[in-house]
Amino acid sequence: MFIGKVTGTVVATQKVGSVAGKKLLLVQSMTVDENGALKATGRAAVAIDTVGAGEGELVLVTQGSSARLTEMTSDVPTDAVIVGIIDAIQVNDREIFKGKA
């Protein structure tokens, strides 16, 4: 899994039938730097949203064969799925991210 920030949506009018009706989001991969701060890695992925995430939210993304293990994606040719919306991140007893309460 990786931490990602939703930066936008992806619209594809022509796609395989099993992807029809799925919400596609653009997710920027994030990392924790040496100072314990969240930082963009420069990599992005298109992920199927299974939890109702929105732009600007930090999310948990799973990739590879694990991306096809959710109820919504078991028959979908996908490589990335949003499986959670992050509430908080703590590093070395310090909270570096706190989402909306």
C-alpha atoms as a PDB file:
ATOM      1  CA  MET A   1       0.000   0.000   0.000  1.00  0.00           C
ATOM      2  CA  PHE A   2       1.003   3.602  -0.335  1.00  0.00           C
ATOM      3  CA  ILE A   3      -0.182   6.977   0.932  1.00  0.00           C
ATOM      4  CA  GLY A   4      -1.651   9.133  -1.803  1.00  0.00           C
ATOM      5  CA  LYS A   5      -3.277  12.519  -2.219  1.00  0.00           C
ATOM      6  CA  VAL A   6      -6.265  12.745  -4.541  1.00  0.00           C
ATOM      7  CA  THR A   7      -5.435  15.477  -7.050  1.00  0.00           C
ATOM      8  CA  GLY A   8      -8.215  15.072  -9.607  1.00  0.00           C
ATOM      9  CA  THR A   9     -10.627  12.882 -11.497  1.00  0.00           C
ATOM     10  CA  VAL A  10     -10.191  10.906 -14.692  1.00  0.00           C
ATOM     11  CA  VAL A  11     -12.975  10.596 -17.262  1.00  0.00           C
ATOM     12  CA  ALA A  12     -12.836   7.915 -19.952  1.00  0.00           C
ATOM     13  CA  THR A  13     -15.926   7.552 -22.106  1.00  0.00           C
ATOM     14  CA  GLN A  14     -14.544   4.523 -23.947  1.00  0.00           C
ATOM     15  CA  LYS A  15     -13.521   1.680 -21.630  1.00  0.00           C
ATOM     16  CA  VAL A  16     -14.061  -2.020 -21.018  1.00  0.00           C
ATOM     17  CA  GLY A  17     -17.465  -2.908 -19.608  1.00  0.00           C
ATOM     18  CA  SER A  18     -16.232  -3.943 -16.173  1.00  0.00           C
ATOM     19  CA  VAL A  19     -14.803  -0.447 -15.572  1.00  0.00           C
ATOM     20  CA  ALA A  20     -18.057   1.318 -16.538  1.00  0.00           C
ATOM     21  CA  GLY A  21     -19.609   3.102 -13.579  1.00  0.00           C
ATOM     22  CA  LYS A  22     -16.409   3.087 -11.524  1.00  0.00           C
ATOM     23  CA  LYS A  23     -15.092   6.409 -10.156  1.00  0.00           C
ATOM     24  CA  LEU A  24     -11.528   6.982 -11.376  1.00  0.00           C
ATOM     25  CA  LEU A  25      -9.298   9.336  -9.392  1.00  0.00           C
ATOM     26  CA  LEU A  26      -5.825  10.698 -10.023  1.00  0.00           C
ATOM     27  CA  VAL A  27      -3.663  10.030  -6.964  1.00  0.00           C
ATOM     28  CA  GLN A  28      -0.264  11.593  -6.249  1.00  0.00           C
ATOM     29  CA  SER A  29       2.037   9.231  -4.328  1.00  0.00           C
ATOM     30  CA  MET A  30       3.280  10.683  -1.017  1.00  0.00           C
ATOM     31  CA  THR A  31       6.189   9.844   1.277  1.00  0.00           C
ATOM     32  CA  VAL A  32       7.426  10.968   4.673  1.00  0.00           C
ATOM     33  CA  ASP A  33      10.695  12.922   4.346  1.00  0.00           C
ATOM     34  CA  GLU A  34      13.664  12.939   6.743  1.00  0.00           C
ATOM     35  CA  ASN A  35      12.028  15.736   8.765  1.00  0.00           C
ATOM     36  CA  GLY A  36       8.836  13.726   9.246  1.00  0.00           C
ATOM     37  CA  ALA A  37       6.786  15.795   6.797  1.00  0.00           C
ATOM     38  CA  LEU A  38       4.580  14.517   4.000  1.00  0.00           C
ATOM     39  CA  LYS A  39       6.049  15.147   0.556  1.00  0.00           C
ATOM     40  CA  ALA A  40       4.955  14.286  -2.994  1.00  0.00           C
ATOM     41  CA  THR A  41       7.129  11.689  -4.741  1.00  0.00           C
ATOM     42  CA  GLY A  42       6.423  12.937  -8.252  1.00  0.00           C
ATOM     43  CA  ARG A  43       4.599   9.720  -9.203  1.00  0.00           C
ATOM     44  CA  ALA A  44       0.889   9.523  -9.911  1.00  0.00           C
ATOM     45  CA  ALA A  45      -1.580   6.702 -10.510  1.00  0.00           C
ATOM     46  CA  VAL A  46      -5.143   6.362 -11.696  1.00  0.00           C
ATOM     47  CA  ALA A  47      -7.048   4.441  -9.037  1.00  0.00           C
ATOM     48  CA  ILE A  48     -10.585   3.122  -8.712  1.00  0.00           C
ATOM     49  CA  ASP A  49     -12.301   4.698  -5.707  1.00  0.00           C
ATOM     50  CA  THR A  50     -14.082   2.184  -3.465  1.00  0.00           C
ATOM     51  CA  VAL A  51     -14.587   4.426  -0.414  1.00  0.00           C
ATOM     52  CA  GLY A  52     -15.982   7.757  -1.646  1.00  0.00           C
ATOM     53  CA  ALA A  53     -12.751   9.782  -1.538  1.00  0.00           C
ATOM     54  CA  GLY A  54     -12.617  13.341  -2.813  1.00  0.00           C
ATOM     55  CA  GLU A  55     -10.086  15.770  -4.198  1.00  0.00           C
ATOM     56  CA  GLY A  56      -7.500  16.887  -1.646  1.00  0.00           C
ATOM     57  CA  GLU A  57      -7.947  13.906   0.677  1.00  0.00           C
ATOM     58  CA  LEU A  58      -5.130  11.606   1.761  1.00  0.00           C
ATOM     59  CA  VAL A  59      -5.922   8.000   0.960  1.00  0.00           C
ATOM     60  CA  LEU A  60      -4.568   4.458   1.204  1.00  0.00           C
ATOM     61  CA  VAL A  61      -3.957   2.886  -2.186  1.00  0.00           C
ATOM     62  CA  THR A  62      -3.266  -0.768  -2.888  1.00  0.00           C
ATOM     63  CA  GLN A  63      -1.730  -1.953  -6.147  1.00  0.00           C
ATOM     64  CA  GLY A  64      -1.081  -5.107  -8.119  1.00  0.00           C
ATOM     65  CA  SER A  65      -3.104  -8.281  -7.680  1.00  0.00           C
ATOM     66  CA  SER A  66      -4.313  -7.027  -4.271  1.00  0.00           C
ATOM     67  CA  ALA A  67      -6.175  -4.249  -6.111  1.00  0.00           C
ATOM     68  CA  ARG A  68      -8.571  -6.878  -7.427  1.00  0.00           C
ATOM     69  CA  LEU A  69      -9.495  -8.274  -4.002  1.00  0.00           C
ATOM     70  CA  THR A  70     -12.229  -5.773  -3.082  1.00  0.00           C
ATOM     71  CA  GLU A  71     -15.903  -6.488  -3.699  1.00  0.00           C
ATOM     72  CA  MET A  72     -16.035  -3.680  -6.287  1.00  0.00           C
ATOM     73  CA  THR A  73     -12.934  -4.742  -8.212  1.00  0.00           C
ATOM     74  CA  SER A  74     -12.861  -8.544  -8.181  1.00  0.00           C
ATOM     75  CA  ASP A  75     -13.674  -8.669 -11.910  1.00  0.00           C
ATOM     76  CA  VAL A  76     -12.032  -5.398 -12.988  1.00  0.00           C
ATOM     77  CA  PRO A  77      -8.687  -5.117 -14.837  1.00  0.00           C
ATOM     78  CA  THR A  78      -7.161  -2.576 -12.468  1.00  0.00           C
ATOM     79  CA  ASP A  79      -3.779  -2.063 -10.886  1.00  0.00           C
ATOM     80  CA  ALA A  80      -4.668   0.568  -8.251  1.00  0.00           C
ATOM     81  CA  VAL A  81      -7.589   0.897  -5.837  1.00  0.00           C
ATOM     82  CA  ILE A  82      -8.318   3.410  -3.075  1.00  0.00           C
ATOM     83  CA  VAL A  83      -9.170   1.307  -0.022  1.00  0.00           C
ATOM     84  CA  GLY A  84      -9.200   3.922   2.748  1.00  0.00           C
ATOM     85  CA  ILE A  85      -9.374   7.610   3.629  1.00  0.00           C
ATOM     86  CA  ILE A  86      -6.655   8.571   6.116  1.00  0.00           C
ATOM     87  CA  ASP A  87      -7.746  10.212   9.380  1.00  0.00           C
ATOM     88  CA  ALA A  88      -4.305  10.765  10.915  1.00  0.00           C
ATOM     89  CA  ILE A  89      -0.628   9.886  10.499  1.00  0.00           C
ATOM     90  CA  GLN A  90       1.837   9.727  13.369  1.00  0.00           C
ATOM     91  CA  VAL A  91       5.618   9.433  13.011  1.00  0.00           C
ATOM     92  CA  ASN A  92       7.888   9.060  16.051  1.00  0.00           C
ATOM     93  CA  ASP A  93       5.096  10.053  18.463  1.00  0.00           C
ATOM     94  CA  ARG A  94       4.377  13.214  16.432  1.00  0.00           C
ATOM     95  CA  GLU A  95       1.196  13.718  14.475  1.00  0.00           C
ATOM     96  CA  ILE A  96       2.164  14.849  10.979  1.00  0.00           C
ATOM     97  CA  PHE A  97      -1.341  14.728   9.496  1.00  0.00           C
ATOM     98  CA  LYS A  98      -4.801  15.195  10.977  1.00  0.00           C
ATOM     99  CA  GLY A  99      -7.781  14.993   8.662  1.00  0.00           C
ATOM    100  CA  LYS A 100     -11.216  16.484   9.083  1.00  0.00           C
ATOM    101  CA  ALA A 101     -12.940  15.448  12.290  1.00  0.00           C
END
